[in-house]
Amino acid sequence: MTTDLSLCEILLVEDNVNDVELTLRALSKNHLDSALHVVRDGQEALDFIFSQGSYASRGTKSPPKVVFLDLKLPKIDGLEVLKKIKTNNKAKTIPIVIVTSSQEAQDIQECYRLGANSFIQKPIEFDNFMQAISDAGLYWTVVNKSPS
């Protein structure tokens, strides 16, 4: 995980310790874990993105290249986090990848309506989970070109 918060390329918003560990392992396969920061709830995610609260000194000049966002989060749920990011003029271009166990068609529709860039249902099988996260990490941090 990154110690210099201004160099964060991936923000992982996940409260499940096991899913955090699996995601870290998947991203480390492609050496994408050195610029990764993990937050455990929706409020902490918003604080990080908007440089407020305990992240007030972080500054907003270097937003993450991508946010991996779970939907079921404590304090503020993932849909509300997504909505607040995508309705903010300074943050709305940050790619948001929903990574959730939800299979609900209404969750998929609502995420895209609110501006999600991708929706990944967490695969149950270990190898499939590792591959999905690894591929998404590579795409959003290496292949995808974000606006400056």
C-alpha atoms as a PDB file:
ATOM      1  CA  MET A   1       0.000   0.000   0.000  1.00  0.00           C
ATOM      2  CA  THR A   2       1.127   3.514  -0.738  1.00  0.00           C
ATOM      3  CA  THR A   3       2.404   5.815   1.990  1.00  0.00           C
ATOM      4  CA  ASP A   4       2.482   8.953  -0.157  1.00  0.00           C
ATOM      5  CA  LEU A   5      -1.228   9.659  -0.523  1.00  0.00           C
ATOM      6  CA  SER A   6      -0.621  12.123  -3.353  1.00  0.00           C
ATOM      7  CA  LEU A   7       0.638   9.217  -5.506  1.00  0.00           C
ATOM      8  CA  CYS A   8      -2.466   7.048  -5.106  1.00  0.00           C
ATOM      9  CA  GLU A   9      -3.395   5.451  -8.407  1.00  0.00           C
ATOM     10  CA  ILE A  10      -5.969   3.018  -7.050  1.00  0.00           C
ATOM     11  CA  LEU A  11      -8.378   3.747  -4.232  1.00  0.00           C
ATOM     12  CA  LEU A  12      -9.991   0.569  -2.916  1.00  0.00           C
ATOM     13  CA  VAL A  13     -13.199   1.168  -0.967  1.00  0.00           C
ATOM     14  CA  GLU A  14     -13.945  -2.144   0.731  1.00  0.00           C
ATOM     15  CA  ASP A  15     -14.979  -3.098   4.271  1.00  0.00           C
ATOM     16  CA  ASN A  16     -14.564  -6.867   3.953  1.00  0.00           C
ATOM     17  CA  VAL A  17     -11.078  -7.820   5.181  1.00  0.00           C
ATOM     18  CA  ASN A  18     -10.968 -10.984   3.056  1.00  0.00           C
ATOM     19  CA  ASP A  19     -11.916  -9.088  -0.119  1.00  0.00           C
ATOM     20  CA  VAL A  20      -9.277  -6.451   0.647  1.00  0.00           C
ATOM     21  CA  GLU A  21      -6.636  -9.163   0.993  1.00  0.00           C
ATOM     22  CA  LEU A  22      -7.699 -10.892  -2.233  1.00  0.00           C
ATOM     23  CA  THR A  23      -7.714  -7.582  -4.112  1.00  0.00           C
ATOM     24  CA  LEU A  24      -4.246  -6.719  -2.819  1.00  0.00           C
ATOM     25  CA  ARG A  25      -2.965 -10.111  -3.948  1.00  0.00           C
ATOM     26  CA  ALA A  26      -4.532  -9.729  -7.395  1.00  0.00           C
ATOM     27  CA  LEU A  27      -3.110  -6.243  -7.905  1.00  0.00           C
ATOM     28  CA  SER A  28       0.322  -7.201  -6.612  1.00  0.00           C
ATOM     29  CA  LYS A  29       0.613  -9.814  -9.378  1.00  0.00           C
ATOM     30  CA  ASN A  30       0.954  -6.883 -11.795  1.00  0.00           C
ATOM     31  CA  HIS A  31       2.884  -4.648  -9.376  1.00  0.00           C
ATOM     32  CA  LEU A  32      -0.123  -2.338  -8.985  1.00  0.00           C
ATOM     33  CA  ASP A  33      -0.189  -2.445  -5.191  1.00  0.00           C
ATOM     34  CA  SER A  34       2.543   0.151  -4.566  1.00  0.00           C
ATOM     35  CA  ALA A  35       0.227   3.028  -5.469  1.00  0.00           C
ATOM     36  CA  LEU A  36      -2.844   1.660  -3.717  1.00  0.00           C
ATOM     37  CA  HIS A  37      -4.749   3.072  -0.772  1.00  0.00           C
ATOM     38  CA  VAL A  38      -7.541   1.244   1.083  1.00  0.00           C
ATOM     39  CA  VAL A  39     -10.449   2.858   2.910  1.00  0.00           C
ATOM     40  CA  ARG A  40     -13.057   0.860   4.836  1.00  0.00           C
ATOM     41  CA  ASP A  41     -16.266   2.892   4.591  1.00  0.00           C
ATOM     42  CA  GLY A  42     -18.103   5.372   2.397  1.00  0.00           C
ATOM     43  CA  GLN A  43     -17.349   8.398   4.546  1.00  0.00           C
ATOM     44  CA  GLU A  44     -13.626   7.682   4.500  1.00  0.00           C
ATOM     45  CA  ALA A  45     -13.801   7.300   0.702  1.00  0.00           C
ATOM     46  CA  LEU A  46     -15.407  10.729   0.329  1.00  0.00           C
ATOM     47  CA  ASP A  47     -12.915  12.248   2.760  1.00  0.00           C
ATOM     48  CA  PHE A  48     -10.065  10.836   0.662  1.00  0.00           C
ATOM     49  CA  ILE A  49     -11.474  11.939  -2.711  1.00  0.00           C
ATOM     50  CA  PHE A  50     -12.379  15.440  -1.523  1.00  0.00           C
ATOM     51  CA  SER A  51      -9.348  15.908   0.778  1.00  0.00           C
ATOM     52  CA  GLN A  52     -11.375  16.507   3.908  1.00  0.00           C
ATOM     53  CA  GLY A  53     -11.400  15.163   7.459  1.00  0.00           C
ATOM     54  CA  SER A  54      -8.306  13.093   8.192  1.00  0.00           C
ATOM     55  CA  TYR A  55      -7.241  13.519   4.533  1.00  0.00           C
ATOM     56  CA  ALA A  56      -7.446  17.322   4.492  1.00  0.00           C
ATOM     57  CA  SER A  57      -3.706  17.667   3.914  1.00  0.00           C
ATOM     58  CA  ARG A  58      -3.710  15.282   0.934  1.00  0.00           C
ATOM     59  CA  GLY A  59      -4.750  17.855  -1.644  1.00  0.00           C
ATOM     60  CA  THR A  60      -6.878  17.168  -4.701  1.00  0.00           C
ATOM     61  CA  LYS A  61      -4.350  17.803  -7.484  1.00  0.00           C
ATOM     62  CA  SER A  62      -3.629  14.082  -7.949  1.00  0.00           C
ATOM     63  CA  PRO A  63      -6.887  12.139  -7.876  1.00  0.00           C
ATOM     64  CA  PRO A  64      -6.732   8.347  -8.061  1.00  0.00           C
ATOM     65  CA  LYS A  65      -6.572   6.904 -11.571  1.00  0.00           C
ATOM     66  CA  VAL A  66      -9.411   4.601 -10.566  1.00  0.00           C
ATOM     67  CA  VAL A  67     -11.652   3.843  -7.590  1.00  0.00           C
ATOM     68  CA  PHE A  68     -12.704   0.244  -6.911  1.00  0.00           C
ATOM     69  CA  LEU A  69     -15.945   0.732  -4.983  1.00  0.00           C
ATOM     70  CA  ASP A  70     -18.028  -1.827  -3.115  1.00  0.00           C
ATOM     71  CA  LEU A  71     -21.751  -1.089  -2.790  1.00  0.00           C
ATOM     72  CA  LYS A  72     -22.434  -2.409   0.699  1.00  0.00           C
ATOM     73  CA  LEU A  73     -20.401  -0.147   2.960  1.00  0.00           C
ATOM     74  CA  PRO A  74     -20.735   1.176   6.505  1.00  0.00           C
ATOM     75  CA  LYS A  75     -21.599   4.818   7.205  1.00  0.00           C
ATOM     76  CA  ILE A  76     -22.372   5.809   3.589  1.00  0.00           C
ATOM     77  CA  ASP A  77     -23.254   3.151   1.014  1.00  0.00           C
ATOM     78  CA  GLY A  78     -21.485   2.792  -2.306  1.00  0.00           C
ATOM     79  CA  LEU A  79     -24.342   4.221  -4.375  1.00  0.00           C
ATOM     80  CA  GLU A  80     -24.255   7.449  -2.377  1.00  0.00           C
ATOM     81  CA  VAL A  81     -20.449   7.620  -2.679  1.00  0.00           C
ATOM     82  CA  LEU A  82     -20.757   7.133  -6.438  1.00  0.00           C
ATOM     83  CA  LYS A  83     -23.420   9.828  -6.679  1.00  0.00           C
ATOM     84  CA  LYS A  84     -21.378  12.366  -4.701  1.00  0.00           C
ATOM     85  CA  ILE A  85     -18.256  11.766  -6.792  1.00  0.00           C
ATOM     86  CA  LYS A  86     -20.017  11.873 -10.155  1.00  0.00           C
ATOM     87  CA  THR A  87     -21.981  15.040  -9.352  1.00  0.00           C
ATOM     88  CA  ASN A  88     -18.856  16.947  -8.305  1.00  0.00           C
ATOM     89  CA  ASN A  89     -17.280  18.889 -11.187  1.00  0.00           C
ATOM     90  CA  LYS A  90     -13.724  18.308  -9.947  1.00  0.00           C
ATOM     91  CA  ALA A  91     -14.121  14.590  -9.232  1.00  0.00           C
ATOM     92  CA  LYS A  92     -16.605  13.353 -11.837  1.00  0.00           C
ATOM     93  CA  THR A  93     -13.936  12.264 -14.340  1.00  0.00           C
ATOM     94  CA  ILE A  94     -12.382   9.781 -11.877  1.00  0.00           C
ATOM     95  CA  PRO A  95     -13.215   6.307 -13.195  1.00  0.00           C
ATOM     96  CA  ILE A  96     -15.336   4.340 -10.753  1.00  0.00           C
ATOM     97  CA  VAL A  97     -15.368   0.550 -10.991  1.00  0.00           C
ATOM     98  CA  ILE A  98     -18.084  -1.061  -8.912  1.00  0.00           C
ATOM     99  CA  VAL A  99     -16.817  -4.331  -7.416  1.00  0.00           C
ATOM    100  CA  THR A 100     -19.647  -6.039  -5.569  1.00  0.00           C
ATOM    101  CA  SER A 101     -21.255  -9.365  -4.796  1.00  0.00           C
ATOM    102  CA  SER A 102     -24.640  -7.981  -5.867  1.00  0.00           C
ATOM    103  CA  GLN A 103     -26.392  -9.792  -8.702  1.00  0.00           C
ATOM    104  CA  GLU A 104     -29.337  -7.413  -8.735  1.00  0.00           C
ATOM    105  CA  ALA A 105     -30.173  -5.973 -12.166  1.00  0.00           C
ATOM    106  CA  GLN A 106     -31.435  -2.808 -10.447  1.00  0.00           C
ATOM    107  CA  ASP A 107     -28.001  -2.277  -8.825  1.00  0.00           C
ATOM    108  CA  ILE A 108     -26.299  -2.540 -12.213  1.00  0.00           C
ATOM    109  CA  GLN A 109     -28.766  -0.120 -13.805  1.00  0.00           C
ATOM    110  CA  GLU A 110     -28.537   2.354 -10.924  1.00  0.00           C
ATOM    111  CA  CYS A 111     -24.729   2.296 -10.898  1.00  0.00           C
ATOM    112  CA  TYR A 112     -24.536   3.099 -14.592  1.00  0.00           C
ATOM    113  CA  ARG A 113     -27.275   5.726 -14.270  1.00  0.00           C
ATOM    114  CA  LEU A 114     -25.196   7.430 -11.585  1.00  0.00           C
ATOM    115  CA  GLY A 115     -22.071   7.369 -13.743  1.00  0.00           C
ATOM    116  CA  ALA A 116     -20.153   4.184 -12.917  1.00  0.00           C
ATOM    117  CA  ASN A 117     -17.551   3.355 -15.541  1.00  0.00           C
ATOM    118  CA  SER A 118     -17.625  -0.398 -14.968  1.00  0.00           C
ATOM    119  CA  PHE A 119     -19.493  -3.001 -12.923  1.00  0.00           C
ATOM    120  CA  ILE A 120     -17.755  -6.194 -11.799  1.00  0.00           C
ATOM    121  CA  GLN A 121     -19.632  -8.842  -9.887  1.00  0.00           C
ATOM    122  CA  LYS A 122     -17.172 -10.440  -7.472  1.00  0.00           C
ATOM    123  CA  PRO A 123     -16.513 -13.926  -8.801  1.00  0.00           C
ATOM    124  CA  ILE A 124     -16.918 -16.645  -6.183  1.00  0.00           C
ATOM    125  CA  GLU A 125     -14.022 -18.749  -7.429  1.00  0.00           C
ATOM    126  CA  PHE A 126     -10.590 -17.596  -6.264  1.00  0.00           C
ATOM    127  CA  ASP A 127      -8.862 -17.746  -9.671  1.00  0.00           C
ATOM    128  CA  ASN A 128     -11.709 -15.892 -11.393  1.00  0.00           C
ATOM    129  CA  PHE A 129     -11.679 -13.183  -8.712  1.00  0.00           C
ATOM    130  CA  MET A 130      -7.917 -12.771  -9.043  1.00  0.00           C
ATOM    131  CA  GLN A 131      -8.130 -12.522 -12.837  1.00  0.00           C
ATOM    132  CA  ALA A 132     -11.030 -10.049 -12.868  1.00  0.00           C
ATOM    133  CA  ILE A 133      -9.346  -7.670 -10.416  1.00  0.00           C
ATOM    134  CA  SER A 134      -5.949  -8.017 -12.061  1.00  0.00           C
ATOM    135  CA  ASP A 135      -7.407  -7.255 -15.502  1.00  0.00           C
ATOM    136  CA  ALA A 136      -9.407  -4.290 -14.217  1.00  0.00           C
ATOM    137  CA  GLY A 137      -6.381  -2.873 -12.408  1.00  0.00           C
ATOM    138  CA  LEU A 138      -4.214  -3.108 -15.513  1.00  0.00           C
ATOM    139  CA  TYR A 139      -6.857  -1.622 -17.756  1.00  0.00           C
ATOM    140  CA  TRP A 140      -7.673   1.405 -15.613  1.00  0.00           C
ATOM    141  CA  THR A 141      -4.105   2.260 -14.536  1.00  0.00           C
ATOM    142  CA  VAL A 142      -2.084   1.348 -17.648  1.00  0.00           C
ATOM    143  CA  VAL A 143      -4.272   1.067 -20.745  1.00  0.00           C
ATOM    144  CA  ASN A 144      -6.940   3.699 -20.103  1.00  0.00           C
ATOM    145  CA  LYS A 145      -6.047   7.337 -20.753  1.00  0.00           C
ATOM    146  CA  SER A 146      -7.689   9.764 -18.354  1.00  0.00           C
ATOM    147  CA  PRO A 147      -8.174  13.471 -18.941  1.00  0.00           C
ATOM    148  CA  SER A 148      -5.436  15.604 -17.407  1.00  0.00           C
END
